[in-house]
């Protein structure tokens, strides 16, 4: 995979660059794939459902509203994502089980961590446009992520 810095040098304003500074928490630092989305706040039932289905190399972008009140993904959901062929997960919110996530062959970027579990009511939306950090994430748009950050096609 070409680095995000080199990719931006090549394509410039064809790409959006995520301004939000996320932590690299998975075992895979570089990943890319088409965007799938979940919008949820403090409830990870839809995240679990999506990552429990075939990922086909996609990247799940989870808009948790930037809330740090509870984790939107832990080790069991992340293990399911790795088994189901997801390239990575980008979470505008926290995760938990950081040590276990670091051992998985899965890209994980999130705001941080919180050991508190989230609700499981299924409140939220899937495969809808979401926006944070100056980037509009549209389902199907190509995304690239590495140690320098995240780029997405306009």
Protein backbone atom coordinates (compact mmCIF):
# COMPACT_ATOMS: atom_id res chain seq x y z
CA UNK A 1 0.00 0.00 0.00
CA UNK A 2 1.25 3.47 -0.88
CA UNK A 3 1.66 5.70 2.20
CA UNK A 4 -1.05 8.27 2.79
CA UNK A 5 1.56 11.04 2.51
CA UNK A 6 2.66 9.82 -0.94
CA UNK A 7 -0.94 9.26 -1.98
CA UNK A 8 -1.84 12.81 -1.00
CA UNK A 9 1.21 14.13 -2.88
CA UNK A 10 -0.01 12.28 -5.99
CA UNK A 11 -3.73 13.09 -5.80
CA UNK A 12 -3.98 16.24 -3.66
CA UNK A 13 -7.42 17.77 -3.43
CA UNK A 14 -9.08 14.67 -4.89
CA UNK A 15 -8.73 13.36 -1.33
CA UNK A 16 -10.08 14.47 2.04
CA UNK A 17 -7.70 14.26 4.99
CA UNK A 18 -9.14 13.49 8.43
CA UNK A 19 -8.26 16.28 10.86
CA UNK A 20 -9.21 14.30 13.97
CA UNK A 21 -6.18 12.72 15.59
CA UNK A 22 -6.91 9.03 16.18
CA UNK A 23 -4.82 6.44 17.99
CA UNK A 24 -3.59 3.31 16.17
CA UNK A 25 -4.92 0.46 18.29
CA UNK A 26 -5.07 -2.59 16.01
CA UNK A 27 -2.38 -5.00 14.90
CA UNK A 28 -2.50 -3.70 11.32
CA UNK A 29 -1.18 -0.15 10.97
CA UNK A 30 -1.86 0.25 7.22
CA UNK A 31 -5.21 -0.63 5.71
CA UNK A 32 -7.52 0.43 2.92
CA UNK A 33 -10.89 -0.42 1.50
CA UNK A 34 -14.34 0.84 0.60
CA UNK A 35 -16.23 2.66 3.35
CA UNK A 36 -19.19 1.20 5.23
CA UNK A 37 -20.71 3.26 8.04
CA UNK A 38 -22.53 3.13 11.36
CA UNK A 39 -23.85 6.16 13.22
CA UNK A 40 -24.50 5.43 16.88
CA UNK A 41 -24.09 7.09 20.26
CA UNK A 42 -23.20 4.92 23.23
CA UNK A 43 -24.76 1.81 21.63
CA UNK A 44 -22.67 -0.74 19.74
CA UNK A 45 -25.32 -3.28 18.68
CA UNK A 46 -25.16 -2.13 15.05
CA UNK A 47 -21.33 -2.18 15.11
CA UNK A 48 -21.44 -5.78 16.34
CA UNK A 49 -23.98 -6.75 13.69
CA UNK A 50 -22.04 -5.13 10.82
CA UNK A 51 -18.67 -6.59 11.85
CA UNK A 52 -20.29 -10.01 12.30
CA UNK A 53 -21.15 -10.04 8.59
CA UNK A 54 -18.77 -10.48 5.63
CA UNK A 55 -16.55 -7.42 5.27
CA UNK A 56 -15.03 -8.19 1.88
CA UNK A 57 -12.05 -5.93 2.64
CA UNK A 58 -14.16 -2.91 3.65
CA UNK A 59 -13.41 -0.37 6.40
CA UNK A 60 -16.19 0.32 8.90
CA UNK A 61 -16.36 3.98 9.91
CA UNK A 62 -18.25 4.41 13.18
CA UNK A 63 -19.50 7.88 14.08
CA UNK A 64 -19.96 7.75 17.82
CA UNK A 65 -20.32 11.52 18.01
CA UNK A 66 -16.88 11.83 19.61
CA UNK A 67 -18.31 10.74 22.95
CA UNK A 68 -15.81 8.98 25.21
CA UNK A 69 -18.45 7.73 27.67
CA UNK A 70 -18.41 4.05 26.63
CA UNK A 71 -16.50 1.73 24.28
CA UNK A 72 -18.04 1.06 20.88
CA UNK A 73 -15.86 -2.01 20.16
CA UNK A 74 -13.97 -4.54 22.23
CA UNK A 75 -11.93 -7.65 21.60
CA UNK A 76 -14.81 -10.02 20.78
CA UNK A 77 -16.35 -7.73 18.15
CA UNK A 78 -12.89 -6.97 16.70
CA UNK A 79 -12.07 -10.70 16.51
CA UNK A 80 -15.32 -11.18 14.62
CA UNK A 81 -14.34 -8.38 12.21
CA UNK A 82 -10.94 -9.97 11.54
CA UNK A 83 -12.56 -13.38 10.94
CA UNK A 84 -15.12 -11.85 8.58
CA UNK A 85 -12.59 -10.14 6.31
CA UNK A 86 -12.86 -6.50 7.36
CA UNK A 87 -9.72 -4.46 6.61
CA UNK A 88 -10.23 -2.06 9.50
CA UNK A 89 -12.45 0.00 11.75
CA UNK A 90 -12.28 3.75 12.36
CA UNK A 91 -14.17 4.90 15.43
CA UNK A 92 -15.04 8.46 16.36
CA UNK A 93 -15.27 7.29 19.95
CA UNK A 94 -13.44 4.82 22.22
CA UNK A 95 -12.69 1.10 22.21
CA UNK A 96 -11.73 -1.27 25.02
CA UNK A 97 -9.45 -4.33 25.34
CA UNK A 98 -6.52 -2.43 23.79
CA UNK A 99 -3.97 -5.18 24.44
CA UNK A 100 -6.11 -7.77 22.63
CA UNK A 101 -6.86 -5.39 19.73
CA UNK A 102 -3.13 -4.82 19.20
CA UNK A 103 -2.67 -8.56 18.53
CA UNK A 104 -5.35 -8.79 15.82
CA UNK A 105 -4.73 -8.57 12.07
CA UNK A 106 -7.17 -5.68 11.85
CA UNK A 107 -6.68 -1.95 11.43
CA UNK A 108 -8.22 -0.06 14.35
CA UNK A 109 -8.15 3.70 14.80
CA UNK A 110 -10.14 5.33 17.59
CA UNK A 111 -10.14 8.38 19.85
CA UNK A 112 -8.96 6.30 22.80
CA UNK A 113 -10.27 3.71 25.21
CA UNK A 114 -12.76 3.31 28.02
CA UNK A 115 -13.44 0.01 29.85
CA UNK A 116 -17.15 0.84 30.20
CA UNK A 117 -19.49 -1.22 27.99
CA UNK A 118 -21.96 0.49 25.72
CA UNK A 119 -25.70 -0.11 25.45
CA UNK A 120 -26.96 -2.90 23.18
CA UNK A 121 -30.32 -1.52 22.04
CA UNK A 122 -29.58 -1.24 18.31
CA UNK A 123 -30.14 2.52 18.18
CA UNK A 124 -28.48 4.19 15.21
CA UNK A 125 -28.15 3.94 11.42
CA UNK A 126 -26.04 1.92 9.00
CA UNK A 127 -24.63 2.73 5.56
CA UNK A 128 -25.54 6.42 5.73
CA UNK A 129 -23.16 9.32 5.08
CA UNK A 130 -21.39 10.41 8.27
CA UNK A 131 -19.12 13.38 8.83
CA UNK A 132 -16.45 14.25 11.39
CA UNK A 133 -12.97 15.72 11.41
CA UNK A 134 -13.60 17.63 8.19
CA UNK A 135 -14.31 14.48 6.17
CA UNK A 136 -17.57 13.23 4.67
CA UNK A 137 -17.52 9.41 4.75
CA UNK A 138 -19.86 8.06 2.06
CA UNK A 139 -20.58 4.33 1.81
CA UNK A 140 -18.53 2.92 -1.08
CA UNK A 141 -15.91 5.71 -1.14
CA UNK A 142 -12.31 4.47 -0.98
CA UNK A 143 -10.41 5.01 2.28
CA UNK A 144 -6.69 4.68 3.05
CA UNK A 145 -5.22 4.68 6.57
CA UNK A 146 -1.72 4.40 8.00
CA UNK A 147 0.46 5.83 10.75
CA UNK A 148 0.12 9.34 9.28
CA UNK A 149 -3.65 9.46 9.16
CA UNK A 150 -6.74 8.78 7.07
CA UNK A 151 -7.57 9.81 3.50
CA UNK A 152 -10.92 9.41 1.75
CA UNK A 153 -12.03 10.03 -1.82
CA UNK A 154 -14.29 13.05 -2.32
